[in-house]
Amino acid sequence: MSKWALVTGATAGIGESFTRLLASKGFNIALVARDEARLHQRAAALREKYRVQTFVLPADLATDQGCSSVEEYLKEFEIEVLINNAGFGINKAFTMSALDAEQDLLDVLVRTPMRLMHVVLPQMKARNSGTIINVSSIASFIAGGTYSASKSYLTVLSESLHTELRATNIKISALCPGFTRTEFHERGRMKMKGLPEFMWLDSDQLVARSWSDAESGKAVSVPGWQYKLLVGFIATLPRRIVRSIGMNLRKR
């Protein structure tokens, strides 16, 4: 009997790459996103190419109703893999942004993955198997506004759960990519023309690396030699310089 995986933010970018990778490994896929028409398109493509089952769950994870609908699904159906990928960025400084936008970001990037993990982990513990990948960011290692702060929460919680569950067969990992060619920056109206070509990552490649790292027991996955170097470099710097780097990136 095929096992199920649930992916949030499943219609584009890293989430869409995860749906194809997991389907290629024989997992049935539950797809979560806001755009119902696009969800059905992605689901149909997965069924046609990989001969897997799919389930479409339209949900706005910035809302209580949207988050609750996914929680209820997780309570009713057993899944083997949870990919917390849904997210967005705000292209404004905290003092210039709208409070509602900041609250939505907190709900999508922090509240929802926390709640989904809290719901799914008891069933994973009961059968002593499962994999959770939280799509965080290289931004979690710097100080660059509420997006960076939210991703820091996700990275640290992943590390904590990885340690808490180290004696089990449950895999917990944070994926911390750098700049990746997806719709993320376009949706956030972020101008990225000045970024050197070598800093861009390929979504399919980093997702494959993330899955390999998670299955081998790594708590944090940082795809790309350039970002591994960057994280190592950041770790050697005084925190005041890290804060300055974060704010400069925000301004750019």
Protein backbone atom coordinates (compact mmCIF):
# COMPACT_ATOMS: atom_id res chain seq x y z
CA MET A 1 0.00 0.00 0.00
CA SER A 2 1.43 3.38 -1.04
CA LYS A 3 2.11 5.94 1.65
CA TRP A 4 0.99 9.55 1.58
CA ALA A 5 2.89 12.83 1.68
CA LEU A 6 1.37 16.27 2.30
CA VAL A 7 3.00 19.36 0.80
CA THR A 8 1.95 22.93 1.55
CA GLY A 9 2.58 25.58 -1.08
CA ALA A 10 2.41 22.72 -3.57
CA THR A 11 1.62 24.53 -6.81
CA ALA A 12 4.91 26.31 -7.54
CA GLY A 13 8.62 26.51 -6.78
CA ILE A 14 10.14 24.35 -4.08
CA GLY A 15 6.79 22.87 -3.04
CA GLU A 16 5.98 21.81 -6.60
CA SER A 17 9.43 20.27 -6.91
CA PHE A 18 8.81 18.28 -3.73
CA THR A 19 5.51 16.94 -5.10
CA ARG A 20 7.27 15.57 -8.18
CA LEU A 21 10.21 14.14 -6.23
CA LEU A 22 7.95 12.38 -3.73
CA ALA A 23 5.61 11.11 -6.45
CA SER A 24 8.62 9.71 -8.31
CA LYS A 25 9.39 7.73 -5.15
CA GLY A 26 5.89 6.26 -5.08
CA PHE A 27 4.23 8.51 -2.51
CA ASN A 28 0.64 9.55 -2.99
CA ILE A 29 0.44 13.33 -2.70
CA ALA A 30 -1.92 15.64 -0.80
CA LEU A 31 -1.47 19.12 -2.23
CA VAL A 32 -2.23 22.27 -0.22
CA ALA A 33 -2.34 25.82 -1.62
CA ARG A 34 -4.77 28.70 -2.15
CA ASP A 35 -5.30 28.38 -5.91
CA GLU A 36 -7.77 25.52 -6.36
CA ALA A 37 -7.63 25.49 -10.17
CA ARG A 38 -3.86 25.30 -10.13
CA LEU A 39 -3.95 22.58 -7.47
CA HIS A 40 -6.11 20.42 -9.72
CA GLN A 41 -3.74 21.01 -12.64
CA ARG A 42 -0.72 19.94 -10.60
CA ALA A 43 -2.55 16.94 -9.18
CA ALA A 44 -3.62 15.78 -12.65
CA ALA A 45 -0.04 16.08 -13.91
CA LEU A 46 1.23 13.95 -11.00
CA ARG A 47 -1.37 11.27 -11.57
CA GLU A 48 -0.64 11.13 -15.28
CA LYS A 49 3.14 11.01 -15.04
CA TYR A 50 3.73 9.00 -11.86
CA ARG A 51 0.52 6.95 -11.54
CA VAL A 52 0.00 8.00 -7.93
CA GLN A 53 -3.12 9.05 -6.05
CA THR A 54 -3.64 12.71 -5.18
CA PHE A 55 -5.80 14.77 -2.86
CA VAL A 56 -6.43 18.48 -3.39
CA LEU A 57 -6.91 20.64 -0.32
CA PRO A 58 -7.45 24.35 -1.09
CA ALA A 59 -6.53 26.42 1.97
CA ASP A 60 -5.35 29.91 2.80
CA LEU A 61 -2.87 29.16 5.57
CA ALA A 62 -2.89 32.77 6.73
CA THR A 63 -6.39 32.15 8.09
CA ASP A 64 -7.54 30.11 11.08
CA GLN A 65 -9.99 28.25 8.84
CA GLY A 66 -7.34 27.35 6.31
CA CYS A 67 -4.90 26.08 8.92
CA SER A 68 -7.64 24.14 10.72
CA SER A 69 -8.74 22.41 7.52
CA VAL A 70 -5.26 20.98 7.05
CA GLU A 71 -5.07 19.99 10.71
CA GLU A 72 -8.36 18.10 10.37
CA TYR A 73 -7.05 16.27 7.32
CA LEU A 74 -3.93 15.23 9.22
CA LYS A 75 -6.03 13.94 12.11
CA GLU A 76 -8.22 11.85 9.81
CA PHE A 77 -5.64 10.48 7.38
CA GLU A 78 -2.23 8.98 8.09
CA ILE A 79 0.68 10.56 6.25
CA GLU A 80 4.31 9.50 6.14
CA VAL A 81 5.84 12.77 4.93
CA LEU A 82 5.02 16.38 5.79
CA ILE A 83 6.62 19.20 3.80
CA ASN A 84 6.01 22.61 5.39
CA ASN A 85 6.80 24.82 2.44
CA ALA A 86 4.12 27.53 2.14
CA GLY A 87 5.46 31.03 2.56
CA PHE A 88 5.90 34.54 1.23
CA GLY A 89 7.97 37.65 1.91
CA ILE A 90 7.21 41.31 2.58
CA ASN A 91 9.18 43.82 0.55
CA LYS A 92 9.03 46.53 3.21
CA ALA A 93 10.83 47.34 6.46
CA PHE A 94 8.93 46.40 9.62
CA THR A 95 8.21 50.04 10.50
CA MET A 96 6.78 50.66 7.02
CA SER A 97 4.76 47.48 6.51
CA ALA A 98 1.08 46.88 7.17
CA LEU A 99 0.30 45.10 10.43
CA ASP A 100 -2.11 42.72 8.69
CA ALA A 101 0.66 41.67 6.29
CA GLU A 102 3.03 41.02 9.20
CA GLN A 103 0.38 38.94 10.96
CA ASP A 104 -0.27 36.92 7.80
CA LEU A 105 3.46 36.25 7.45
CA LEU A 106 3.67 35.07 11.07
CA ASP A 107 0.64 32.83 10.62
CA VAL A 108 1.90 31.20 7.42
CA LEU A 109 5.60 30.86 8.30
CA VAL A 110 5.34 30.13 12.04
CA ARG A 111 1.85 29.32 13.28
CA THR A 112 0.88 26.88 10.53
CA PRO A 113 4.01 24.67 10.41
CA MET A 114 4.09 24.56 14.21
CA ARG A 115 0.47 23.42 14.41
CA LEU A 116 0.76 20.90 11.57
CA MET A 117 3.81 19.32 13.17
CA HIS A 118 2.09 19.21 16.56
CA VAL A 119 -0.85 17.38 14.99
CA VAL A 120 1.10 14.90 12.85
CA LEU A 121 3.91 13.95 15.22
CA PRO A 122 1.78 11.81 17.59
CA GLN A 123 0.82 9.47 14.73
CA MET A 124 4.44 9.35 13.55
CA LYS A 125 5.59 8.50 17.06
CA ALA A 126 2.92 5.82 17.41
CA ARG A 127 4.18 3.95 14.33
CA ASN A 128 7.82 5.08 14.79
CA SER A 129 8.24 6.37 11.25
CA GLY A 130 7.85 9.58 9.29
CA THR A 131 9.70 12.49 7.74
CA ILE A 132 9.13 16.22 8.23
CA ILE A 133 10.99 18.79 6.16
CA ASN A 134 10.49 22.44 7.07
CA VAL A 135 11.43 24.76 4.24
CA SER A 136 13.29 27.50 6.05
CA SER A 137 15.88 29.81 4.48
CA ILE A 138 19.47 30.96 4.55
CA ALA A 139 17.84 34.12 5.96
CA SER A 140 17.37 32.27 9.23
CA PHE A 141 21.09 32.77 9.95
CA ILE A 142 20.99 36.57 9.65
CA ALA A 143 18.85 39.39 11.05
CA GLY A 144 16.76 40.64 8.16
CA GLY A 145 13.27 41.59 9.31
CA THR A 146 10.33 39.42 10.25
CA TYR A 147 10.89 36.98 7.37
CA SER A 148 14.34 36.23 8.76
CA ALA A 149 12.97 36.00 12.31
CA SER A 150 10.19 33.63 11.22
CA LYS A 151 12.62 31.39 9.36
CA SER A 152 14.93 31.38 12.40
CA TYR A 153 12.03 29.98 14.42
CA LEU A 154 11.52 27.23 11.86
CA THR A 155 15.21 26.28 11.71
CA VAL A 156 15.64 26.22 15.48
CA LEU A 157 12.43 24.27 16.09
CA SER A 158 13.50 21.72 13.47
CA GLU A 159 16.86 21.32 15.20
CA SER A 160 15.15 20.94 18.56
CA LEU A 161 12.72 18.28 17.30
CA HIS A 162 15.56 16.49 15.52
CA THR A 163 17.31 16.19 18.88
CA GLU A 164 14.13 15.30 20.78
CA LEU A 165 13.33 12.48 18.35
CA ARG A 166 16.87 11.24 17.72
CA ALA A 167 16.15 7.85 19.30
CA THR A 168 13.22 7.23 16.91
CA ASN A 169 12.89 6.53 13.19
CA ILE A 170 11.33 9.96 12.59
CA LYS A 171 13.36 12.31 10.42
CA ILE A 172 13.15 16.07 11.05
CA SER A 173 15.11 18.49 8.89
CA ALA A 174 15.18 22.19 8.02
CA LEU A 175 15.89 23.03 4.40
CA CYS A 176 17.74 26.36 4.26
CA PRO A 177 18.11 27.41 0.62
CA GLY A 178 19.47 30.66 -0.69
CA PHE A 179 18.13 32.49 -3.72
CA THR A 180 16.17 30.00 -5.81
CA ARG A 181 14.55 30.39 -9.21
CA THR A 182 10.86 30.27 -8.26
CA GLU A 183 7.90 32.67 -8.27
CA PHE A 184 8.74 33.83 -4.73
CA HIS A 185 10.55 37.06 -5.57
CA GLU A 186 8.13 38.00 -8.34
CA ARG A 187 5.13 37.60 -6.04
CA GLY A 188 6.87 39.71 -3.41
CA ARG A 189 7.72 42.40 -6.00
CA MET A 190 11.41 42.06 -5.19
CA LYS A 191 13.95 43.34 -7.70
CA MET A 192 16.66 40.71 -8.11
CA LYS A 193 18.43 41.83 -11.31
CA GLY A 194 21.65 42.70 -9.49
CA LEU A 195 22.18 39.22 -8.03
CA PRO A 196 25.09 37.32 -9.65
CA GLU A 197 24.12 34.25 -11.65
CA PHE A 198 26.19 31.89 -9.50
CA MET A 199 24.05 32.74 -6.44
CA TRP A 200 20.90 31.25 -7.97
CA LEU A 201 19.89 27.69 -7.10
CA ASP A 202 17.77 25.21 -9.06
CA SER A 203 14.62 24.13 -7.24
CA ASP A 204 14.69 20.48 -8.33
CA GLN A 205 18.34 20.08 -7.39
CA LEU A 206 18.02 21.60 -3.94
CA VAL A 207 14.90 19.55 -3.19
CA ALA A 208 16.76 16.35 -4.12
CA ARG A 209 19.60 17.38 -1.81
CA SER A 210 17.16 18.22 0.98
CA TRP A 211 15.48 14.81 0.75
CA SER A 212 18.83 13.03 0.76
CA ASP A 213 20.01 15.04 3.76
CA ALA A 214 16.79 14.42 5.69
CA GLU A 215 16.86 10.68 5.06
CA SER A 216 20.51 10.52 6.14
CA GLY A 217 19.62 12.19 9.44
CA LYS A 218 20.83 15.77 8.94
CA ALA A 219 19.03 18.36 11.03
CA VAL A 220 19.80 21.22 8.65
CA SER A 221 20.27 21.10 4.88
CA VAL A 222 22.05 23.99 3.17
CA PRO A 223 22.17 23.27 -0.58
CA GLY A 224 24.87 24.85 -2.74
CA TRP A 225 28.58 25.34 -2.11
CA GLN A 226 28.14 29.12 -2.14
CA TYR A 227 25.63 29.04 0.69
CA LYS A 228 27.58 26.51 2.73
CA LEU A 229 30.51 28.94 2.55
CA LEU A 230 28.24 31.83 3.47
CA VAL A 231 26.82 30.08 6.54
CA GLY A 232 30.32 29.11 7.68
CA PHE A 233 31.48 32.69 7.20
CA ILE A 234 28.51 34.15 9.08
CA ALA A 235 29.23 31.85 12.02
CA THR A 236 32.66 33.47 12.45
CA LEU A 237 31.41 37.06 12.46
CA PRO A 238 30.48 39.20 15.47
CA ARG A 239 26.72 39.47 15.77
CA ARG A 240 26.74 43.23 15.19
CA ILE A 241 28.20 42.64 11.73
CA VAL A 242 25.63 39.92 11.02
CA ARG A 243 22.90 42.40 11.94
CA SER A 244 24.38 44.96 9.57
CA ILE A 245 24.53 42.42 6.73
CA GLY A 246 20.89 41.52 7.32
CA MET A 247 19.71 45.11 7.17
CA ASN A 248 21.76 45.84 4.05
CA LEU A 249 20.18 42.88 2.30
CA ARG A 250 16.75 44.12 3.34
CA LYS A 251 17.45 47.54 1.82
CA ARG A 252 18.62 46.00 -1.45
